Amino acid sequence: MANASNTTAPTQFIETKLEKYGYRRFGKGNGLPLLCLQHFTGTLDNWDPAVTDPLALGREVILFESAGKTWRVRQRTPSHSSMHLA
């Protein structure tokens, strides 16, 4: 993956009986894989590609999103373009 990027990597999911976890994997190389954890209220979209993409030049990068407010809330929250004033 010459152009591996946090912004183009597909979001994948791991489901347990209680939660759904999101993650993105991108990059390739001989370096050890790098697992990046976000703070409690952070999401996968909080990672800056200017930081993560260069890390993926020589290794696989895995961005992991903890369970909690993240995916559940974002799936139900309307986008700004769909909001309108009544």
Protein backbone atom coordinates (compact mmCIF):
# COMPACT_ATOMS: atom_id res chain seq x y z
CA MET A 1 0.00 0.00 0.00
CA ALA A 2 2.02 2.93 -1.20
CA ASN A 3 -0.72 5.40 -0.27
CA ALA A 4 -1.93 3.79 2.95
CA SER A 5 -3.99 6.33 4.83
CA ASN A 6 -6.09 6.67 7.93
CA THR A 7 -8.69 8.49 5.78
CA THR A 8 -9.06 5.77 3.14
CA ALA A 9 -8.72 2.63 5.26
CA PRO A 10 -12.10 0.97 5.75
CA THR A 11 -13.53 0.94 9.24
CA GLN A 12 -13.92 -2.63 10.45
CA PHE A 13 -15.72 -3.93 13.52
CA ILE A 14 -15.33 -6.51 16.25
CA GLU A 15 -18.51 -7.37 18.10
CA THR A 16 -18.85 -8.97 21.50
CA LYS A 17 -22.05 -9.81 23.36
CA LEU A 18 -22.03 -6.37 24.95
CA GLU A 19 -20.19 -3.96 22.67
CA LYS A 20 -19.10 -3.12 19.16
CA TYR A 21 -15.51 -1.92 18.64
CA GLY A 22 -14.29 -0.08 15.56
CA TYR A 23 -10.79 -0.18 14.11
CA ARG A 24 -8.84 0.69 10.97
CA ARG A 25 -5.75 -1.14 9.68
CA PHE A 26 -3.45 0.31 7.06
CA GLY A 27 0.19 0.33 6.02
CA LYS A 28 2.66 -2.42 5.34
CA GLY A 29 6.30 -3.13 6.00
CA ASN A 30 8.85 -4.97 8.10
CA GLY A 31 8.37 -2.86 11.21
CA LEU A 32 6.39 -4.08 14.19
CA PRO A 33 2.67 -3.27 13.95
CA LEU A 34 1.73 -0.14 15.86
CA LEU A 35 -1.52 -0.19 17.87
CA CYS A 36 -2.88 3.31 18.53
CA LEU A 37 -5.42 3.76 21.31
CA GLN A 38 -7.62 6.84 21.59
CA HIS A 39 -8.64 8.56 24.82
CA PHE A 40 -12.04 7.69 26.34
CA THR A 41 -14.22 10.07 24.30
CA GLY A 42 -11.99 10.05 21.23
CA THR A 43 -12.98 8.43 17.95
CA LEU A 44 -11.18 7.01 14.95
CA ASP A 45 -11.73 10.33 13.21
CA ASN A 46 -9.72 12.20 15.87
CA TRP A 47 -6.45 10.79 14.52
CA ASP A 48 -4.57 13.27 12.34
CA PRO A 49 -3.48 11.67 9.04
CA ALA A 50 -0.39 13.91 9.14
CA VAL A 51 0.69 11.85 12.16
CA THR A 52 -0.64 8.37 11.38
CA ASP A 53 0.08 8.12 7.65
CA PRO A 54 3.89 8.57 7.91
CA LEU A 55 3.92 5.90 10.63
CA ALA A 56 2.35 3.47 8.15
CA LEU A 57 5.18 3.79 5.63
CA GLY A 58 7.20 1.01 7.23
CA ARG A 59 4.69 -0.90 9.34
CA GLU A 60 1.04 -1.75 9.76
CA VAL A 61 -0.86 0.79 11.86
CA ILE A 62 -4.01 -0.21 13.74
CA LEU A 63 -6.25 2.56 15.06
CA PHE A 64 -8.56 1.19 17.74
CA GLU A 65 -11.71 2.80 19.07
CA SER A 66 -12.80 1.82 22.55
CA ALA A 67 -16.39 0.90 23.36
CA GLY A 68 -18.63 3.52 24.89
CA LYS A 69 -20.04 6.68 23.38
CA THR A 70 -18.21 6.51 20.09
CA TRP A 71 -19.87 4.39 17.37
CA ARG A 72 -23.27 4.14 19.03
CA VAL A 73 -23.64 7.90 19.36
CA ARG A 74 -22.24 8.74 15.94
CA GLN A 75 -24.60 6.33 14.21
CA ARG A 76 -27.61 8.10 15.71
CA THR A 77 -26.38 11.68 15.50
CA PRO A 78 -27.71 13.56 12.44
CA SER A 79 -25.16 15.27 10.26
CA HIS A 80 -25.07 19.04 10.08
CA SER A 81 -26.28 18.93 6.49
CA SER A 82 -29.41 17.07 7.55
CA MET A 83 -30.27 19.50 10.34
CA HIS A 84 -32.55 22.40 9.63
CA LEU A 85 -34.32 25.10 11.59
CA ALA A 86 -37.99 24.54 12.29
